[in-house]
Amino acid sequence: MYDINCDQVLCLDGGGIRGLVLIQLLQAIEKEVGDNERIRECFDWIGGTSTGGILALAITHGQQLCSVEILVRLIVPLMTLEAAFLQ
């Protein structure tokens, strides 16, 4: 599926609630790869900004994507609320 001679990089963008779209995309990749391989095993480097950074940390620490989805649904509204108070 991919060239083992090159590093595989997964860069996850921020964007608040759009992180749910990223999770759905990652779940589709995991489904395509198969049950024996998690998303973190497909990439050498995983990083992101804002919500994408939260996803990257959760993935690299072995969290299942369904658990990460719950986390994003809880955290993103709090981040949005905090940003509103800081303005």
PDB file of N, CA and C in Angstrom:
ATOM      1  N   MET A   1       0.811  -1.189   0.000  1.00  0.00           N
ATOM      2  CA  MET A   1       0.000   0.000   0.000  1.00  0.00           C
ATOM      3  C   MET A   1       0.857   1.256   0.000  1.00  0.00           C
ATOM      4  N   TYR A   2       1.968   1.263   0.729  1.00  0.00           N
ATOM      5  CA  TYR A   2       2.825   2.434   0.770  1.00  0.00           C
ATOM      6  C   TYR A   2       4.281   2.011   0.702  1.00  0.00           C
ATOM      7  N   ASP A   3       5.140   2.929   0.305  1.00  0.00           N
ATOM      8  CA  ASP A   3       6.568   2.684   0.148  1.00  0.00           C
ATOM      9  C   ASP A   3       7.225   2.632   1.517  1.00  0.00           C
ATOM     10  N   ILE A   4       7.799   1.491   1.882  1.00  0.00           N
ATOM     11  CA  ILE A   4       8.404   1.352   3.203  1.00  0.00           C
ATOM     12  C   ILE A   4       9.744   2.067   3.304  1.00  0.00           C
ATOM     13  N   ASN A   5      10.277   2.577   2.203  1.00  0.00           N
ATOM     14  CA  ASN A   5      11.550   3.278   2.230  1.00  0.00           C
ATOM     15  C   ASN A   5      11.402   4.760   2.555  1.00  0.00           C
ATOM     16  N   CYS A   6      10.186   5.261   2.630  1.00  0.00           N
ATOM     17  CA  CYS A   6       9.926   6.668   2.934  1.00  0.00           C
ATOM     18  C   CYS A   6       9.129   6.760   4.228  1.00  0.00           C
ATOM     19  N   ASP A   7       9.389   7.825   4.985  1.00  0.00           N
ATOM     20  CA  ASP A   7       8.587   8.056   6.177  1.00  0.00           C
ATOM     21  C   ASP A   7       7.174   8.449   5.778  1.00  0.00           C
ATOM     22  N   GLN A   8       6.209   7.895   6.465  1.00  0.00           N
ATOM     23  CA  GLN A   8       4.804   8.213   6.245  1.00  0.00           C
ATOM     24  C   GLN A   8       4.372   9.216   7.308  1.00  0.00           C
ATOM     25  N   VAL A   9       3.877  10.365   6.886  1.00  0.00           N
ATOM     26  CA  VAL A   9       3.518  11.444   7.798  1.00  0.00           C
ATOM     27  C   VAL A   9       2.005  11.665   7.758  1.00  0.00           C
ATOM     28  N   LEU A  10       1.414  11.769   8.938  1.00  0.00           N
ATOM     29  CA  LEU A  10       0.001  12.118   9.061  1.00  0.00           C
ATOM     30  C   LEU A  10      -0.071  13.463   9.768  1.00  0.00           C
ATOM     31  N   CYS A  11      -0.545  14.466   9.068  1.00  0.00           N
ATOM     32  CA  CYS A  11      -0.679  15.811   9.612  1.00  0.00           C
ATOM     33  C   CYS A  11      -2.167  16.140   9.725  1.00  0.00           C
ATOM     34  N   LEU A  12      -2.612  16.381  10.934  1.00  0.00           N
ATOM     35  CA  LEU A  12      -4.027  16.607  11.195  1.00  0.00           C
ATOM     36  C   LEU A  12      -4.266  18.088  11.475  1.00  0.00           C
ATOM     37  N   ASP A  13      -5.098  18.699  10.670  1.00  0.00           N
ATOM     38  CA  ASP A  13      -5.401  20.123  10.772  1.00  0.00           C
ATOM     39  C   ASP A  13      -6.335  20.385  11.952  1.00  0.00           C
ATOM     40  N   GLY A  14      -6.314  21.614  12.416  1.00  0.00           N
ATOM     41  CA  GLY A  14      -7.236  22.033  13.457  1.00  0.00           C
ATOM     42  C   GLY A  14      -8.583  22.368  12.849  1.00  0.00           C
ATOM     43  N   GLY A  15      -9.374  23.074  13.576  1.00  0.00           N
ATOM     44  CA  GLY A  15     -10.654  23.500  13.020  1.00  0.00           C
ATOM     45  C   GLY A  15     -11.837  23.163  13.889  1.00  0.00           C
ATOM     46  N   GLY A  16     -11.589  22.937  15.177  1.00  0.00           N
ATOM     47  CA  GLY A  16     -12.698  22.703  16.095  1.00  0.00           C
ATOM     48  C   GLY A  16     -13.497  21.458  15.779  1.00  0.00           C
ATOM     49  N   ILE A  17     -14.770  21.635  15.587  1.00  0.00           N
ATOM     50  CA  ILE A  17     -15.690  20.517  15.402  1.00  0.00           C
ATOM     51  C   ILE A  17     -15.393  19.742  14.121  1.00  0.00           C
ATOM     52  N   ARG A  18     -14.657  20.356  13.193  1.00  0.00           N
ATOM     53  CA  ARG A  18     -14.283  19.639  11.971  1.00  0.00           C
ATOM     54  C   ARG A  18     -13.364  18.463  12.267  1.00  0.00           C
ATOM     55  N   GLY A  19     -12.876  18.394  13.495  1.00  0.00           N
ATOM     56  CA  GLY A  19     -12.097  17.231  13.912  1.00  0.00           C
ATOM     57  C   GLY A  19     -12.890  15.945  13.795  1.00  0.00           C
ATOM     58  N   LEU A  20     -14.208  16.049  13.883  1.00  0.00           N
ATOM     59  CA  LEU A  20     -15.052  14.860  13.715  1.00  0.00           C
ATOM     60  C   LEU A  20     -14.948  14.309  12.299  1.00  0.00           C
ATOM     61  N   VAL A  21     -14.768  15.207  11.325  1.00  0.00           N
ATOM     62  CA  VAL A  21     -14.575  14.761   9.940  1.00  0.00           C
ATOM     63  C   VAL A  21     -13.241  14.010   9.831  1.00  0.00           C
ATOM     64  N   LEU A  22     -12.209  14.525  10.498  1.00  0.00           N
ATOM     65  CA  LEU A  22     -10.915  13.837  10.501  1.00  0.00           C
ATOM     66  C   LEU A  22     -11.041  12.436  11.091  1.00  0.00           C
ATOM     67  N   ILE A  23     -11.794  12.324  12.173  1.00  0.00           N
ATOM     68  CA  ILE A  23     -11.969  11.011  12.806  1.00  0.00           C
ATOM     69  C   ILE A  23     -12.658  10.040  11.858  1.00  0.00           C
ATOM     70  N   GLN A  24     -13.670  10.508  11.157  1.00  0.00           N
ATOM     71  CA  GLN A  24     -14.364   9.637  10.199  1.00  0.00           C
ATOM     72  C   GLN A  24     -13.422   9.203   9.089  1.00  0.00           C
ATOM     73  N   LEU A  25     -12.577  10.116   8.631  1.00  0.00           N
ATOM     74  CA  LEU A  25     -11.589   9.784   7.600  1.00  0.00           C
ATOM     75  C   LEU A  25     -10.600   8.746   8.116  1.00  0.00           C
ATOM     76  N   LEU A  26     -10.114   8.935   9.328  1.00  0.00           N
ATOM     77  CA  LEU A  26      -9.166   7.987   9.914  1.00  0.00           C
ATOM     78  C   LEU A  26      -9.809   6.622  10.143  1.00  0.00           C
ATOM     79  N   GLN A  27     -11.082   6.615  10.534  1.00  0.00           N
ATOM     80  CA  GLN A  27     -11.791   5.343  10.697  1.00  0.00           C
ATOM     81  C   GLN A  27     -11.907   4.617   9.355  1.00  0.00           C
ATOM     82  N   ALA A  28     -12.133   5.360   8.280  1.00  0.00           N
ATOM     83  CA  ALA A  28     -12.213   4.760   6.943  1.00  0.00           C
ATOM     84  C   ALA A  28     -10.857   4.177   6.542  1.00  0.00           C
ATOM     85  N   ILE A  29      -9.770   4.878   6.883  1.00  0.00           N
ATOM     86  CA  ILE A  29      -8.429   4.355   6.581  1.00  0.00           C
ATOM     87  C   ILE A  29      -8.186   3.071   7.353  1.00  0.00           C
ATOM     88  N   GLU A  30      -8.526   3.062   8.649  1.00  0.00           N
ATOM     89  CA  GLU A  30      -8.347   1.850   9.451  1.00  0.00           C
ATOM     90  C   GLU A  30      -9.154   0.687   8.884  1.00  0.00           C
ATOM     91  N   LYS A  31     -10.367   0.973   8.451  1.00  0.00           N
ATOM     92  CA  LYS A  31     -11.218  -0.073   7.882  1.00  0.00           C
ATOM     93  C   LYS A  31     -10.596  -0.633   6.602  1.00  0.00           C
ATOM     94  N   GLU A  32     -10.038   0.250   5.785  1.00  0.00           N
ATOM     95  CA  GLU A  32      -9.408  -0.167   4.528  1.00  0.00           C
ATOM     96  C   GLU A  32      -8.157  -0.997   4.781  1.00  0.00           C
ATOM     97  N   VAL A  33      -7.386  -0.609   5.777  1.00  0.00           N
ATOM     98  CA  VAL A  33      -6.138  -1.305   6.094  1.00  0.00           C
ATOM     99  C   VAL A  33      -6.428  -2.683   6.682  1.00  0.00           C
ATOM    100  N   GLY A  34      -7.472  -2.774   7.475  1.00  0.00           N
ATOM    101  CA  GLY A  34      -7.837  -4.055   8.062  1.00  0.00           C
ATOM    102  C   GLY A  34      -7.846  -4.010   9.575  1.00  0.00           C
ATOM    103  N   ASP A  35      -8.421  -5.035  10.166  1.00  0.00           N
ATOM    104  CA  ASP A  35      -8.606  -5.073  11.617  1.00  0.00           C
ATOM    105  C   ASP A  35      -7.304  -5.250  12.389  1.00  0.00           C
ATOM    106  N   ASN A  36      -6.283  -5.773  11.747  1.00  0.00           N
ATOM    107  CA  ASN A  36      -5.051  -6.067  12.456  1.00  0.00           C
ATOM    108  C   ASN A  36      -4.132  -4.868  12.621  1.00  0.00           C
ATOM    109  N   GLU A  37      -4.432  -3.762  11.953  1.00  0.00           N
ATOM    110  CA  GLU A  37      -3.534  -2.615  11.987  1.00  0.00           C
ATOM    111  C   GLU A  37      -4.297  -1.357  12.377  1.00  0.00           C
ATOM    112  N   ARG A  38      -3.807  -0.701  13.428  1.00  0.00           N
ATOM    113  CA  ARG A  38      -4.405   0.556  13.878  1.00  0.00           C
ATOM    114  C   ARG A  38      -3.800   1.700  13.080  1.00  0.00           C
ATOM    115  N   ILE A  39      -4.444   2.860  13.126  1.00  0.00           N
ATOM    116  CA  ILE A  39      -4.017   4.010  12.334  1.00  0.00           C
ATOM    117  C   ILE A  39      -2.603   4.447  12.715  1.00  0.00           C
ATOM    118  N   ARG A  40      -2.235   4.351  13.982  1.00  0.00           N
ATOM    119  CA  ARG A  40      -0.901   4.789  14.403  1.00  0.00           C
ATOM    120  C   ARG A  40       0.202   3.895  13.845  1.00  0.00           C
ATOM    121  N   GLU A  41      -0.148   2.679  13.467  1.00  0.00           N
ATOM    122  CA  GLU A  41       0.834   1.761  12.904  1.00  0.00           C
ATOM    123  C   GLU A  41       1.063   1.999  11.409  1.00  0.00           C
ATOM    124  N   CYS A  42       0.231   2.839  10.804  1.00  0.00           N
ATOM    125  CA  CYS A  42       0.345   3.148   9.376  1.00  0.00           C
ATOM    126  C   CYS A  42       1.284   4.313   9.100  1.00  0.00           C
ATOM    127  N   PHE A  43       1.651   5.056  10.137  1.00  0.00           N
ATOM    128  CA  PHE A  43       2.430   6.277   9.946  1.00  0.00           C
ATOM    129  C   PHE A  43       3.642   6.304  10.861  1.00  0.00           C
ATOM    130  N   ASP A  44       4.730   6.900  10.365  1.00  0.00           N
ATOM    131  CA  ASP A  44       5.940   7.056  11.158  1.00  0.00           C
ATOM    132  C   ASP A  44       5.873   8.305  12.032  1.00  0.00           C
ATOM    133  N   TRP A  45       5.229   9.330  11.531  1.00  0.00           N
ATOM    134  CA  TRP A  45       5.115  10.608  12.221  1.00  0.00           C
ATOM    135  C   TRP A  45       3.646  11.036  12.226  1.00  0.00           C
ATOM    136  N   ILE A  46       3.156  11.459  13.387  1.00  0.00           N
ATOM    137  CA  ILE A  46       1.783  11.949  13.497  1.00  0.00           C
ATOM    138  C   ILE A  46       1.823  13.263  14.274  1.00  0.00           C
ATOM    139  N   GLY A  47       1.222  14.291  13.702  1.00  0.00           N
ATOM    140  CA  GLY A  47       1.197  15.585  14.360  1.00  0.00           C
ATOM    141  C   GLY A  47      -0.029  16.356  13.946  1.00  0.00           C
ATOM    142  N   GLY A  48      -0.260  17.476  14.608  1.00  0.00           N
ATOM    143  CA  GLY A  48      -1.405  18.286  14.248  1.00  0.00           C
ATOM    144  C   GLY A  48      -1.442  19.585  15.021  1.00  0.00           C
ATOM    145  N   THR A  49      -2.385  20.432  14.667  1.00  0.00           N
ATOM    146  CA  THR A  49      -2.582  21.698  15.357  1.00  0.00           C
ATOM    147  C   THR A  49      -3.999  21.761  15.913  1.00  0.00           C
ATOM    148  N   SER A  50      -4.125  22.366  17.075  1.00  0.00           N
ATOM    149  CA  SER A  50      -5.418  22.562  17.712  1.00  0.00           C
ATOM    150  C   SER A  50      -6.133  21.210  17.879  1.00  0.00           C
ATOM    151  N   THR A  51      -7.318  21.065  17.348  1.00  0.00           N
ATOM    152  CA  THR A  51      -8.040  19.796  17.466  1.00  0.00           C
ATOM    153  C   THR A  51      -7.238  18.654  16.852  1.00  0.00           C
ATOM    154  N   GLY A  52      -6.548  18.935  15.752  1.00  0.00           N
ATOM    155  CA  GLY A  52      -5.708  17.920  15.124  1.00  0.00           C
ATOM    156  C   GLY A  52      -4.587  17.458  16.037  1.00  0.00           C
ATOM    157  N   GLY A  53      -4.052  18.369  16.848  1.00  0.00           N
ATOM    158  CA  GLY A  53      -3.017  18.012  17.822  1.00  0.00           C
ATOM    159  C   GLY A  53      -3.552  17.116  18.916  1.00  0.00           C
ATOM    160  N   ILE A  54      -4.774  17.402  19.355  1.00  0.00           N
ATOM    161  CA  ILE A  54      -5.419  16.547  20.355  1.00  0.00           C
ATOM    162  C   ILE A  54      -5.627  15.150  19.778  1.00  0.00           C
ATOM    163  N   LEU A  55      -6.083  15.090  18.531  1.00  0.00           N
ATOM    164  CA  LEU A  55      -6.258  13.794  17.859  1.00  0.00           C
ATOM    165  C   LEU A  55      -4.931  13.055  17.742  1.00  0.00           C
ATOM    166  N   ALA A  56      -3.882  13.785  17.328  1.00  0.00           N
ATOM    167  CA  ALA A  56      -2.565  13.173  17.155  1.00  0.00           C
ATOM    168  C   ALA A  56      -2.062  12.571  18.469  1.00  0.00           C
ATOM    169  N   LEU A  57      -2.200  13.308  19.563  1.00  0.00           N
ATOM    170  CA  LEU A  57      -1.769  12.790  20.869  1.00  0.00           C
ATOM    171  C   LEU A  57      -2.552  11.555  21.271  1.00  0.00           C
ATOM    172  N   ALA A  58      -3.858  11.601  21.096  1.00  0.00           N
ATOM    173  CA  ALA A  58      -4.687  10.456  21.474  1.00  0.00           C
ATOM    174  C   ALA A  58      -4.337   9.222  20.639  1.00  0.00           C
ATOM    175  N   ILE A  59      -4.137   9.427  19.339  1.00  0.00           N
ATOM    176  CA  ILE A  59      -3.809   8.307  18.449  1.00  0.00           C
ATOM    177  C   ILE A  59      -2.459   7.701  18.808  1.00  0.00           C
ATOM    178  N   THR A  60      -1.455   8.558  19.026  1.00  0.00           N
ATOM    179  CA  THR A  60      -0.117   8.031  19.324  1.00  0.00           C
ATOM    180  C   THR A  60      -0.067   7.342  20.678  1.00  0.00           C
ATOM    181  N   HIS A  61      -0.995   7.683  21.570  1.00  0.00           N
ATOM    182  CA  HIS A  61      -1.041   7.025  22.872  1.00  0.00           C
ATOM    183  C   HIS A  61      -1.966   5.816  22.878  1.00  0.00           C
ATOM    184  N   GLY A  62      -2.408   5.402  21.688  1.00  0.00           N
ATOM    185  CA  GLY A  62      -3.136   4.145  21.555  1.00  0.00           C
ATOM    186  C   GLY A  62      -4.632   4.198  21.789  1.00  0.00           C
ATOM    187  N   GLN A  63      -5.201   5.383  21.858  1.00  0.00           N
ATOM    188  CA  GLN A  63      -6.644   5.478  22.050  1.00  0.00           C
ATOM    189  C   GLN A  63      -7.381   5.004  20.797  1.00  0.00           C
ATOM    190  N   GLN A  64      -8.481   4.321  20.981  1.00  0.00           N
ATOM    191  CA  GLN A  64      -9.302   3.914  19.848  1.00  0.00           C
ATOM    192  C   GLN A  64     -10.029   5.141  19.308  1.00  0.00           C
ATOM    193  N   LEU A  65     -10.248   5.153  18.004  1.00  0.00           N
ATOM    194  CA  LEU A  65     -10.856   6.324  17.365  1.00  0.00           C
ATOM    195  C   LEU A  65     -12.250   6.620  17.892  1.00  0.00           C
ATOM    196  N   CYS A  66     -12.999   5.601  18.289  1.00  0.00           N
ATOM    197  CA  CYS A  66     -14.334   5.858  18.847  1.00  0.00           C
ATOM    198  C   CYS A  66     -14.220   6.600  20.173  1.00  0.00           C
ATOM    199  N   SER A  67     -13.189   6.304  20.970  1.00  0.00           N
ATOM    200  CA  SER A  67     -12.956   7.032  22.216  1.00  0.00           C
ATOM    201  C   SER A  67     -12.521   8.463  21.942  1.00  0.00           C
ATOM    202  N   VAL A  68     -11.703   8.636  20.909  1.00  0.00           N
ATOM    203  CA  VAL A  68     -11.236   9.963  20.533  1.00  0.00           C
ATOM    204  C   VAL A  68     -12.413  10.818  20.069  1.00  0.00           C
ATOM    205  N   GLU A  69     -13.351  10.216  19.381  1.00  0.00           N
ATOM    206  CA  GLU A  69     -14.531  10.956  18.924  1.00  0.00           C
ATOM    207  C   GLU A  69     -15.311  11.518  20.115  1.00  0.00           C
ATOM    208  N   ILE A  70     -15.468  10.723  21.149  1.00  0.00           N
ATOM    209  CA  ILE A  70     -16.158  11.187  22.352  1.00  0.00           C
ATOM    210  C   ILE A  70     -15.377  12.345  22.974  1.00  0.00           C
ATOM    211  N   LEU A  71     -14.064  12.214  23.040  1.00  0.00           N
ATOM    212  CA  LEU A  71     -13.209  13.267  23.583  1.00  0.00           C
ATOM    213  C   LEU A  71     -13.383  14.579  22.813  1.00  0.00           C
ATOM    214  N   VAL A  72     -13.365  14.499  21.498  1.00  0.00           N
ATOM    215  CA  VAL A  72     -13.519  15.705  20.668  1.00  0.00           C
ATOM    216  C   VAL A  72     -14.889  16.326  20.886  1.00  0.00           C
ATOM    217  N   ARG A  73     -15.913  15.503  20.976  1.00  0.00           N
ATOM    218  CA  ARG A  73     -17.270  16.034  21.194  1.00  0.00           C
ATOM    219  C   ARG A  73     -17.389  16.751  22.541  1.00  0.00           C
ATOM    220  N   LEU A  74     -16.575  16.351  23.523  1.00  0.00           N
ATOM    221  CA  LEU A  74     -16.598  16.998  24.827  1.00  0.00           C
ATOM    222  C   LEU A  74     -15.709  18.236  24.884  1.00  0.00           C
ATOM    223  N   ILE A  75     -14.521  18.162  24.294  1.00  0.00           N
ATOM    224  CA  ILE A  75     -13.525  19.225  24.433  1.00  0.00           C
ATOM    225  C   ILE A  75     -13.789  20.415  23.524  1.00  0.00           C
ATOM    226  N   VAL A  76     -14.159  20.177  22.283  1.00  0.00           N
ATOM    227  CA  VAL A  76     -14.284  21.270  21.309  1.00  0.00           C
ATOM    228  C   VAL A  76     -15.270  22.353  21.760  1.00  0.00           C
ATOM    229  N   PRO A  77     -16.446  22.004  22.265  1.00  0.00           N
ATOM    230  CA  PRO A  77     -17.330  23.080  22.731  1.00  0.00           C
ATOM    231  C   PRO A  77     -16.706  23.912  23.862  1.00  0.00           C
ATOM    232  N   LEU A  78     -15.922  23.276  24.728  1.00  0.00           N
ATOM    233  CA  LEU A  78     -15.248  24.013  25.793  1.00  0.00           C
ATOM    234  C   LEU A  78     -14.198  24.955  25.236  1.00  0.00           C
ATOM    235  N   MET A  79     -13.446  24.509  24.217  1.00  0.00           N
ATOM    236  CA  MET A  79     -12.442  25.360  23.577  1.00  0.00           C
ATOM    237  C   MET A  79     -13.112  26.561  22.912  1.00  0.00           C
ATOM    238  N   THR A  80     -14.236  26.335  22.285  1.00  0.00           N
ATOM    239  CA  THR A  80     -14.966  27.409  21.610  1.00  0.00           C
ATOM    240  C   THR A  80     -15.495  28.413  22.625  1.00  0.00           C
ATOM    241  N   LEU A  81     -16.000  27.911  23.731  1.00  0.00           N
ATOM    242  CA  LEU A  81     -16.512  28.771  24.788  1.00  0.00           C
ATOM    243  C   LEU A  81     -15.384  29.611  25.400  1.00  0.00           C
ATOM    244  N   GLU A  82     -14.246  28.995  25.643  1.00  0.00           N
ATOM    245  CA  GLU A  82     -13.102  29.721  26.183  1.00  0.00           C
ATOM    246  C   GLU A  82     -12.631  30.819  25.225  1.00  0.00           C
ATOM    247  N   ALA A  83     -12.565  30.498  23.938  1.00  0.00           N
ATOM    248  CA  ALA A  83     -12.150  31.485  22.944  1.00  0.00           C
ATOM    249  C   ALA A  83     -13.107  32.682  22.921  1.00  0.00           C
ATOM    250  N   ALA A  84     -14.388  32.428  23.109  1.00  0.00           N
ATOM    251  CA  ALA A  84     -15.366  33.516  23.116  1.00  0.00           C
ATOM    252  C   ALA A  84     -15.150  34.448  24.299  1.00  0.00           C
ATOM    253  N   PHE A  85     -14.776  33.874  25.457  1.00  0.00           N
ATOM    254  CA  PHE A  85     -14.540  34.702  26.645  1.00  0.00           C
ATOM    255  C   PHE A  85     -13.243  35.498  26.530  1.00  0.00           C
ATOM    256  N   LEU A  86     -12.257  34.980  25.798  1.00  0.00           N
ATOM    257  CA  LEU A  86     -10.986  35.677  25.657  1.00  0.00           C
ATOM    258  C   LEU A  86     -11.052  36.857  24.716  1.00  0.00           C
ATOM    259  N   GLN A  87     -12.078  36.928  23.889  1.00  0.00           N
ATOM    260  CA  GLN A  87     -12.174  38.027  22.933  1.00  0.00           C
ATOM    261  C   GLN A  87     -12.727  39.237  23.550  1.00  0.00           C
TER     262      GLN A  87
END
